[in-house]
N, C-alpha and C. Protein backbone atom coordinates (compact mmCIF):
# COMPACT_ATOMS: atom_id res chain seq x y z
N MET A 1 13.63 7.45 8.39
CA MET A 1 13.48 6.05 8.96
C MET A 1 12.20 5.41 8.85
N GLU A 2 11.13 6.14 9.52
CA GLU A 2 9.85 5.74 9.63
C GLU A 2 9.27 5.21 8.19
N ASN A 3 9.56 6.04 7.33
CA ASN A 3 8.96 5.85 5.76
C ASN A 3 9.84 4.65 5.41
N LYS A 4 11.02 4.36 5.57
CA LYS A 4 11.61 3.14 4.99
C LYS A 4 10.96 1.97 5.78
N MET A 5 10.80 1.80 6.93
CA MET A 5 10.21 0.72 7.70
C MET A 5 8.79 0.47 7.24
N ALA A 6 7.81 1.42 7.07
CA ALA A 6 6.79 1.37 6.51
C ALA A 6 6.81 0.74 5.32
N LYS A 7 7.64 1.32 4.39
CA LYS A 7 7.56 0.76 3.00
C LYS A 7 8.07 -0.63 2.99
N ARG A 8 9.00 -1.09 3.89
CA ARG A 8 9.36 -2.56 3.98
C ARG A 8 8.19 -3.46 4.32
N TRP A 9 7.43 -2.89 5.41
CA TRP A 9 6.35 -3.68 6.12
C TRP A 9 5.32 -3.90 5.12
N VAL A 10 5.03 -2.81 4.28
CA VAL A 10 3.86 -2.91 3.23
C VAL A 10 4.51 -3.96 2.03
N LYS A 11 5.46 -3.76 1.82
CA LYS A 11 6.02 -4.69 0.62
C LYS A 11 6.04 -6.26 1.31
N GLU A 12 6.46 -6.40 2.34
CA GLU A 12 6.48 -7.58 2.89
C GLU A 12 4.90 -8.33 2.98
N ARG A 13 4.03 -7.33 3.45
CA ARG A 13 2.66 -7.67 3.36
C ARG A 13 2.05 -8.07 2.17
N LEU A 14 2.51 -7.38 1.05
CA LEU A 14 2.13 -7.73 -0.31
C LEU A 14 2.59 -9.02 -0.67
N LYS A 15 3.72 -9.26 -0.42
CA LYS A 15 4.35 -10.69 -0.75
C LYS A 15 3.52 -11.89 -0.14
N ARG A 16 3.13 -11.57 1.10
CA ARG A 16 2.28 -12.46 1.76
C ARG A 16 0.95 -12.69 1.07
N LEU A 17 0.37 -11.52 0.68
CA LEU A 17 -0.86 -11.77 0.26
C LEU A 17 -0.88 -12.22 -1.32
N PHE A 18 0.23 -11.84 -2.05
CA PHE A 18 0.27 -12.25 -3.43
C PHE A 18 1.59 -12.80 -3.71
N PRO A 19 1.64 -14.15 -3.47
CA PRO A 19 3.03 -14.76 -3.46
C PRO A 19 3.70 -14.92 -4.87
N GLU A 20 2.87 -14.39 -5.93
CA GLU A 20 3.41 -14.40 -7.19
C GLU A 20 4.28 -13.03 -7.25
N LEU A 21 4.21 -12.20 -6.31
CA LEU A 21 5.15 -10.99 -6.39
C LEU A 21 6.45 -11.15 -5.60
N ARG A 22 6.65 -12.19 -5.12
CA ARG A 22 7.83 -12.53 -4.39
C ARG A 22 9.27 -12.59 -5.21
N ASN A 23 9.13 -13.14 -6.42
CA ASN A 23 10.23 -13.35 -7.28
C ASN A 23 10.28 -12.19 -8.50
N ASP A 24 9.42 -11.11 -8.27
CA ASP A 24 9.32 -10.22 -9.48
C ASP A 24 9.43 -8.77 -8.63
N PRO A 25 10.63 -8.08 -8.34
CA PRO A 25 10.89 -6.96 -7.72
C PRO A 25 10.12 -5.76 -8.50
N GLU A 26 10.38 -5.90 -9.75
CA GLU A 26 9.69 -4.68 -10.73
C GLU A 26 8.13 -4.61 -10.38
N VAL A 27 7.38 -5.72 -10.33
CA VAL A 27 6.16 -5.86 -10.30
C VAL A 27 5.65 -5.47 -8.88
N LEU A 28 6.44 -6.01 -7.87
CA LEU A 28 6.09 -5.64 -6.33
C LEU A 28 6.33 -4.35 -6.24
N ASP A 29 7.20 -3.64 -6.74
CA ASP A 29 7.40 -2.13 -6.60
C ASP A 29 6.31 -1.36 -7.23
N ARG A 30 5.87 -1.79 -8.40
CA ARG A 30 4.70 -1.07 -9.29
C ARG A 30 3.33 -1.31 -8.35
N ALA A 31 3.12 -2.44 -7.66
CA ALA A 31 2.10 -2.63 -6.88
C ALA A 31 1.99 -1.88 -5.61
N TYR A 32 3.42 -1.67 -5.10
CA TYR A 32 3.30 -0.78 -3.89
C TYR A 32 3.19 0.93 -4.18
N ARG A 33 3.78 1.14 -5.48
CA ARG A 33 3.35 2.56 -5.90
C ARG A 33 1.94 2.90 -6.16
N GLN A 34 1.13 1.87 -6.56
CA GLN A 34 -0.27 1.84 -6.98
C GLN A 34 -1.04 2.06 -5.68
N LEU A 35 -0.64 1.59 -4.41
CA LEU A 35 -1.47 1.80 -3.28
C LEU A 35 -1.67 3.26 -2.85
N GLY A 36 -0.87 4.27 -3.21
CA GLY A 36 -1.15 5.56 -3.01
C GLY A 36 -0.73 5.72 -1.32
N ILE A 37 0.34 5.55 -0.84
CA ILE A 37 0.58 5.77 0.58
C ILE A 37 0.95 7.15 1.04
N GLU A 38 0.22 7.56 2.07
CA GLU A 38 0.56 9.15 2.28
C GLU A 38 0.79 9.17 4.00
N SER A 39 1.77 9.82 4.24
CA SER A 39 2.05 9.93 5.65
C SER A 39 1.39 11.01 6.22
N LEU A 40 0.57 10.96 7.36
CA LEU A 40 0.08 12.09 7.96
C LEU A 40 0.52 12.17 9.42
N PRO A 41 0.30 13.42 9.91
CA PRO A 41 0.92 13.57 11.36
C PRO A 41 -0.07 12.93 12.30
N GLY A 42 0.59 12.40 13.43
CA GLY A 42 -0.35 11.73 14.21
C GLY A 42 -1.01 12.41 15.19
N ALA A 43 -1.80 12.05 15.99
CA ALA A 43 -2.67 12.88 17.11
C ALA A 43 -2.35 12.14 18.57
N GLY A 44 -2.60 12.64 19.49
CA GLY A 44 -2.44 12.28 20.74
C GLY A 44 -1.08 12.37 21.30
N LYS A 45 -0.72 11.61 22.25
CA LYS A 45 0.65 11.63 23.01
C LYS A 45 1.49 11.19 22.14
N GLY A 46 2.58 11.88 21.99
CA GLY A 46 3.85 11.38 21.13
C GLY A 46 3.54 11.97 19.61
N GLY A 47 2.34 11.88 19.09
CA GLY A 47 2.25 12.48 17.96
C GLY A 47 3.01 11.69 16.78
N THR A 48 2.91 10.26 16.97
CA THR A 48 3.60 9.49 15.91
C THR A 48 3.12 9.71 14.50
N VAL A 49 3.83 9.47 13.44
CA VAL A 49 3.34 9.41 12.06
C VAL A 49 2.34 8.20 11.74
N VAL A 50 1.16 8.63 11.08
CA VAL A 50 0.25 7.57 10.64
C VAL A 50 0.25 7.41 9.12
N TYR A 51 0.23 6.24 8.84
CA TYR A 51 0.14 6.04 7.25
C TYR A 51 -1.09 5.61 6.77
N GLU A 52 -1.62 6.38 5.81
CA GLU A 52 -2.81 6.10 5.20
C GLU A 52 -2.81 5.46 3.84
N ILE A 53 -3.31 4.44 3.62
CA ILE A 53 -3.30 3.69 2.39
C ILE A 53 -4.51 3.80 1.57
N THR A 54 -4.42 4.28 0.29
CA THR A 54 -5.60 4.44 -0.70
C THR A 54 -5.32 3.31 -1.67
N LEU A 55 -6.34 2.29 -1.68
CA LEU A 55 -6.41 1.24 -2.79
C LEU A 55 -6.44 1.96 -4.14
N PRO A 56 -6.05 1.38 -5.18
CA PRO A 56 -6.28 1.87 -6.56
C PRO A 56 -7.72 1.48 -6.84
N GLU A 57 -8.53 2.34 -7.67
CA GLU A 57 -9.76 2.10 -8.04
C GLU A 57 -9.85 1.14 -9.24
N ARG A 58 -10.79 0.29 -9.19
CA ARG A 58 -10.66 -0.69 -10.34
C ARG A 58 -12.40 -1.01 -10.40
N LYS A 59 -12.80 -0.98 -11.75
CA LYS A 59 -14.01 -1.39 -12.12
C LYS A 59 -14.26 -2.63 -12.14
N ILE A 60 -15.61 -3.15 -11.57
CA ILE A 60 -15.85 -4.55 -11.60
C ILE A 60 -17.22 -4.67 -12.51
N PRO A 61 -16.93 -5.47 -13.59
CA PRO A 61 -17.95 -5.66 -14.60
C PRO A 61 -19.26 -6.10 -13.97
N GLY A 62 -20.34 -5.41 -14.30
CA GLY A 62 -21.58 -5.61 -13.84
C GLY A 62 -21.75 -5.37 -12.40
N GLY A 63 -20.78 -4.89 -11.78
CA GLY A 63 -20.85 -4.36 -10.35
C GLY A 63 -20.81 -2.90 -10.02
N ALA A 64 -20.43 -2.63 -8.87
CA ALA A 64 -20.29 -1.21 -8.47
C ALA A 64 -19.21 -0.60 -9.33
N GLY A 65 -19.40 0.53 -9.83
CA GLY A 65 -18.40 1.37 -10.58
C GLY A 65 -18.47 1.03 -12.03
N ALA A 66 -19.34 0.14 -12.31
CA ALA A 66 -19.52 -0.27 -13.98
C ALA A 66 -20.18 0.66 -14.63
N ASP A 67 -19.89 1.21 -15.96
CA ASP A 67 -20.65 2.15 -16.64
C ASP A 67 -21.77 1.51 -17.21
């Protein structure tokens, strides 16, 4: 259940940040999959699950990561 809620939250957030994704479910799903979301066990009281999001790497011409 937590995974479904997290997925929905992330997709809603993507739609707010990138309005062009609102009417294209395929592109929205692809953008979600590219994020690299991983669930990790939480720490502390209750130990709730924590979700870590890894952004896809992209090269910036003439900037960091350029060849």
